[in-house]
């Protein structure tokens, strides 16, 4: 079953200068768990994608580090997979 969804959540991030900021993370994505049993011709690998947009950083603030962005992407995946309100088209 393919899970599709979108939504937003608030998060605290630390920029590359070490300053904390409250931001809003908007996400949109899907997850297809794939099929790994049954006839070979019907099997395929799992796949998915989750795009995020971070808003609310003050003007002139340093960028969010790569590790912080990865953390936000993981949080977005958690929201996508676990928040019934975010899921559509199941």
N, C-alpha and C. Protein backbone atom coordinates (compact mmCIF):
# COMPACT_ATOMS: atom_id res chain seq x y z
N UNK A 1 0.84 -1.17 0.00
CA UNK A 1 0.00 0.00 0.00
C UNK A 1 0.90 1.24 0.00
N UNK A 2 0.67 2.10 -0.96
CA UNK A 2 1.46 3.33 -1.06
C UNK A 2 0.88 4.37 -0.10
N UNK A 3 1.74 4.97 0.67
CA UNK A 3 1.34 6.04 1.59
C UNK A 3 1.79 7.36 0.98
N UNK A 4 0.85 8.27 0.82
CA UNK A 4 1.15 9.62 0.34
C UNK A 4 0.68 10.60 1.39
N UNK A 5 1.36 11.71 1.49
CA UNK A 5 0.91 12.68 2.47
C UNK A 5 1.67 13.99 2.42
N UNK A 6 1.15 14.92 3.18
CA UNK A 6 1.80 16.22 3.29
C UNK A 6 1.34 16.85 4.60
N UNK A 7 2.07 17.82 5.05
CA UNK A 7 1.72 18.51 6.28
C UNK A 7 2.83 19.45 6.70
N UNK A 8 2.74 19.88 7.94
CA UNK A 8 3.78 20.75 8.48
C UNK A 8 3.86 20.57 9.98
N UNK A 9 5.00 20.92 10.51
CA UNK A 9 5.21 20.87 11.95
C UNK A 9 6.24 21.92 12.34
N UNK A 10 6.23 22.29 13.62
CA UNK A 10 7.20 23.26 14.12
C UNK A 10 8.39 22.52 14.68
N UNK A 11 9.56 23.12 14.56
CA UNK A 11 10.79 22.50 15.07
C UNK A 11 11.77 23.59 15.48
N UNK A 12 12.67 23.21 16.35
CA UNK A 12 13.78 24.08 16.73
C UNK A 12 15.02 23.58 15.99
N UNK A 13 15.71 24.48 15.31
CA UNK A 13 16.94 24.12 14.60
C UNK A 13 18.09 24.96 15.10
N UNK A 14 19.28 24.45 14.88
CA UNK A 14 20.50 25.18 15.22
C UNK A 14 21.21 25.48 13.92
N UNK A 15 21.49 26.77 13.68
CA UNK A 15 22.17 27.14 12.45
C UNK A 15 23.67 26.83 12.56
N UNK A 16 24.39 27.05 11.49
CA UNK A 16 25.82 26.72 11.47
C UNK A 16 26.63 27.57 12.42
N UNK A 17 26.06 28.69 12.90
CA UNK A 17 26.75 29.52 13.89
C UNK A 17 26.41 29.12 15.32
N UNK A 18 25.54 28.11 15.48
CA UNK A 18 25.19 27.62 16.82
C UNK A 18 23.99 28.30 17.45
N UNK A 19 23.26 29.12 16.70
CA UNK A 19 22.08 29.81 17.22
C UNK A 19 20.81 28.99 16.99
N UNK A 20 19.92 28.99 17.98
CA UNK A 20 18.66 28.26 17.86
C UNK A 20 17.59 29.14 17.22
N UNK A 21 16.75 28.51 16.40
CA UNK A 21 15.65 29.21 15.73
C UNK A 21 14.43 28.29 15.71
N UNK A 22 13.25 28.90 15.87
CA UNK A 22 11.99 28.17 15.71
C UNK A 22 11.60 28.31 14.25
N UNK A 23 11.33 27.18 13.60
CA UNK A 23 10.98 27.17 12.18
C UNK A 23 9.74 26.32 11.97
N UNK A 24 9.20 26.43 10.77
CA UNK A 24 8.10 25.57 10.34
C UNK A 24 8.63 24.72 9.19
N UNK A 25 8.42 23.42 9.30
CA UNK A 25 8.85 22.48 8.27
C UNK A 25 7.61 21.98 7.54
N UNK A 26 7.56 22.22 6.25
CA UNK A 26 6.47 21.72 5.41
C UNK A 26 7.02 20.54 4.62
N UNK A 27 6.25 19.45 4.55
CA UNK A 27 6.72 18.27 3.85
C UNK A 27 5.65 17.70 2.93
N UNK A 28 6.12 16.97 1.93
CA UNK A 28 5.24 16.28 0.99
C UNK A 28 6.00 15.05 0.51
N UNK A 29 5.35 13.91 0.51
CA UNK A 29 6.07 12.73 0.07
C UNK A 29 5.20 11.50 -0.08
N UNK A 30 5.88 10.40 -0.37
CA UNK A 30 5.21 9.12 -0.50
C UNK A 30 6.16 8.00 -0.08
N UNK A 31 5.59 6.87 0.25
CA UNK A 31 6.37 5.69 0.58
C UNK A 31 5.66 4.48 -0.02
N UNK A 32 6.39 3.71 -0.79
CA UNK A 32 5.89 2.46 -1.35
C UNK A 32 6.77 1.36 -0.79
N UNK A 33 6.22 0.48 0.06
CA UNK A 33 7.05 -0.53 0.70
C UNK A 33 7.57 -1.60 -0.24
N UNK A 34 7.11 -1.61 -1.48
CA UNK A 34 7.56 -2.60 -2.45
C UNK A 34 6.91 -3.95 -2.19
N UNK A 35 7.29 -4.91 -3.02
CA UNK A 35 6.82 -6.29 -2.88
C UNK A 35 8.03 -7.19 -2.97
N UNK A 36 8.24 -7.99 -1.94
CA UNK A 36 9.44 -8.84 -1.92
C UNK A 36 9.09 -10.32 -1.75
N UNK A 37 7.85 -10.68 -2.03
CA UNK A 37 7.49 -12.10 -2.00
C UNK A 37 6.50 -12.36 -3.12
N UNK A 38 6.36 -13.60 -3.47
CA UNK A 38 5.48 -13.97 -4.57
C UNK A 38 6.27 -14.15 -5.85
N UNK A 39 5.58 -14.19 -6.97
CA UNK A 39 6.26 -14.39 -8.25
C UNK A 39 7.27 -13.27 -8.52
N UNK A 40 8.39 -13.64 -9.05
CA UNK A 40 9.48 -12.69 -9.31
C UNK A 40 9.01 -11.52 -10.16
N UNK A 41 8.19 -11.79 -11.14
CA UNK A 41 7.76 -10.72 -12.04
C UNK A 41 6.86 -9.68 -11.35
N UNK A 42 6.38 -9.98 -10.16
CA UNK A 42 5.56 -9.03 -9.42
C UNK A 42 6.32 -8.33 -8.29
N UNK A 43 7.58 -8.67 -8.09
CA UNK A 43 8.37 -8.09 -7.01
C UNK A 43 9.07 -6.81 -7.47
N UNK A 44 9.19 -5.87 -6.56
CA UNK A 44 9.94 -4.65 -6.83
C UNK A 44 10.42 -4.07 -5.50
N UNK A 45 11.46 -3.29 -5.60
CA UNK A 45 12.11 -2.73 -4.40
C UNK A 45 11.26 -1.60 -3.80
N UNK A 46 11.41 -1.40 -2.49
CA UNK A 46 10.73 -0.27 -1.86
C UNK A 46 11.30 1.05 -2.38
N UNK A 47 10.47 2.06 -2.37
CA UNK A 47 10.94 3.38 -2.75
C UNK A 47 10.10 4.44 -2.06
N UNK A 48 10.62 5.64 -2.02
CA UNK A 48 9.89 6.73 -1.40
C UNK A 48 10.65 8.03 -1.55
N UNK A 49 9.96 9.10 -1.26
CA UNK A 49 10.56 10.42 -1.35
C UNK A 49 9.81 11.34 -0.39
N UNK A 50 10.55 12.21 0.25
CA UNK A 50 9.94 13.19 1.14
C UNK A 50 10.70 14.50 0.99
N UNK A 51 10.03 15.49 0.43
CA UNK A 51 10.64 16.80 0.23
C UNK A 51 10.23 17.72 1.37
N UNK A 52 11.17 18.51 1.85
CA UNK A 52 10.86 19.45 2.92
C UNK A 52 11.21 20.88 2.50
N UNK A 53 10.47 21.81 3.10
CA UNK A 53 10.76 23.23 2.97
C UNK A 53 10.79 23.80 4.38
N UNK A 54 11.85 24.53 4.69
CA UNK A 54 12.01 25.12 6.01
C UNK A 54 11.77 26.62 5.90
N UNK A 55 10.80 27.12 6.68
CA UNK A 55 10.52 28.56 6.68
C UNK A 55 10.59 29.09 8.11
N UNK A 56 10.80 30.37 8.21
CA UNK A 56 10.82 31.00 9.52
C UNK A 56 12.19 31.37 10.04
N UNK A 57 13.23 31.11 9.26
CA UNK A 57 14.57 31.54 9.68
C UNK A 57 14.62 33.06 9.56
N UNK A 58 15.13 33.72 10.58
CA UNK A 58 15.22 35.18 10.51
C UNK A 58 16.13 35.64 9.37
N UNK A 59 15.80 36.79 8.83
CA UNK A 59 16.64 37.35 7.77
C UNK A 59 18.05 37.58 8.31
N UNK A 60 19.03 37.17 7.56
CA UNK A 60 20.42 37.34 7.97
C UNK A 60 20.96 36.21 8.83
N UNK A 61 20.09 35.26 9.21
CA UNK A 61 20.56 34.12 10.02
C UNK A 61 21.40 33.20 9.15
N UNK A 62 22.31 32.51 9.79
CA UNK A 62 23.15 31.54 9.07
C UNK A 62 22.29 30.37 8.61
N UNK A 63 22.78 29.63 7.65
CA UNK A 63 22.06 28.48 7.13
C UNK A 63 21.97 27.36 8.15
N UNK A 64 21.00 26.48 7.92
CA UNK A 64 20.87 25.27 8.72
C UNK A 64 21.93 24.29 8.24
N UNK A 65 22.61 23.63 9.15
CA UNK A 65 23.66 22.69 8.77
C UNK A 65 23.07 21.46 8.08
N UNK A 66 23.90 20.74 7.36
CA UNK A 66 23.46 19.52 6.69
C UNK A 66 22.90 18.51 7.68
N UNK A 67 23.53 18.39 8.84
CA UNK A 67 23.07 17.42 9.83
C UNK A 67 21.69 17.82 10.38
N UNK A 68 21.45 19.12 10.55
CA UNK A 68 20.15 19.59 11.00
C UNK A 68 19.09 19.32 9.93
N UNK A 69 19.45 19.55 8.67
CA UNK A 69 18.51 19.30 7.58
C UNK A 69 18.16 17.81 7.53
N UNK A 70 19.15 16.94 7.71
CA UNK A 70 18.89 15.50 7.74
C UNK A 70 17.96 15.14 8.90
N UNK A 71 18.15 15.77 10.05
CA UNK A 71 17.30 15.52 11.21
C UNK A 71 15.86 15.93 10.91
N UNK A 72 15.69 17.09 10.25
CA UNK A 72 14.36 17.55 9.89
C UNK A 72 13.71 16.61 8.87
N UNK A 73 14.50 16.08 7.93
CA UNK A 73 13.96 15.13 6.96
C UNK A 73 13.48 13.86 7.67
N UNK A 74 14.24 13.39 8.66
CA UNK A 74 13.82 12.22 9.42
C UNK A 74 12.53 12.49 10.19
N UNK A 75 12.41 13.67 10.78
CA UNK A 75 11.18 14.04 11.47
C UNK A 75 10.00 14.10 10.49
N UNK A 76 10.24 14.62 9.30
CA UNK A 76 9.18 14.67 8.28
C UNK A 76 8.73 13.27 7.91
N UNK A 77 9.69 12.33 7.75
CA UNK A 77 9.33 10.94 7.46
C UNK A 77 8.47 10.38 8.58
N UNK A 78 8.85 10.66 9.83
CA UNK A 78 8.07 10.17 10.97
C UNK A 78 6.64 10.71 10.90
N UNK A 79 6.50 11.99 10.60
CA UNK A 79 5.16 12.58 10.49
C UNK A 79 4.39 11.94 9.34
N UNK A 80 5.05 11.77 8.19
CA UNK A 80 4.40 11.20 7.02
C UNK A 80 3.89 9.79 7.31
N UNK A 81 4.69 8.99 7.98
CA UNK A 81 4.34 7.59 8.19
C UNK A 81 3.44 7.36 9.41
N UNK A 82 3.43 8.27 10.36
CA UNK A 82 2.72 8.03 11.61
C UNK A 82 1.54 8.95 11.88
N UNK A 83 1.37 9.99 11.11
CA UNK A 83 0.29 10.95 11.37
C UNK A 83 -0.86 10.69 10.39
N UNK A 84 -1.95 10.12 10.88
CA UNK A 84 -3.08 9.81 10.01
C UNK A 84 -3.61 11.03 9.29
N UNK A 85 -3.50 12.21 9.91
CA UNK A 85 -3.99 13.43 9.27
C UNK A 85 -3.15 13.80 8.05
N UNK A 86 -1.89 13.35 8.00
CA UNK A 86 -1.00 13.72 6.89
C UNK A 86 -1.19 12.82 5.69
N UNK A 87 -1.69 11.60 5.93
CA UNK A 87 -1.74 10.61 4.85
C UNK A 87 -2.97 10.79 3.98
N UNK A 88 -2.77 10.58 2.68
CA UNK A 88 -3.86 10.63 1.72
C UNK A 88 -3.66 9.54 0.70
N UNK A 89 -4.66 9.22 -0.03
CA UNK A 89 -4.54 8.30 -1.16
C UNK A 89 -4.04 6.93 -0.83
N UNK A 90 -4.42 6.39 0.30
CA UNK A 90 -3.92 5.07 0.70
C UNK A 90 -4.53 3.97 -0.12
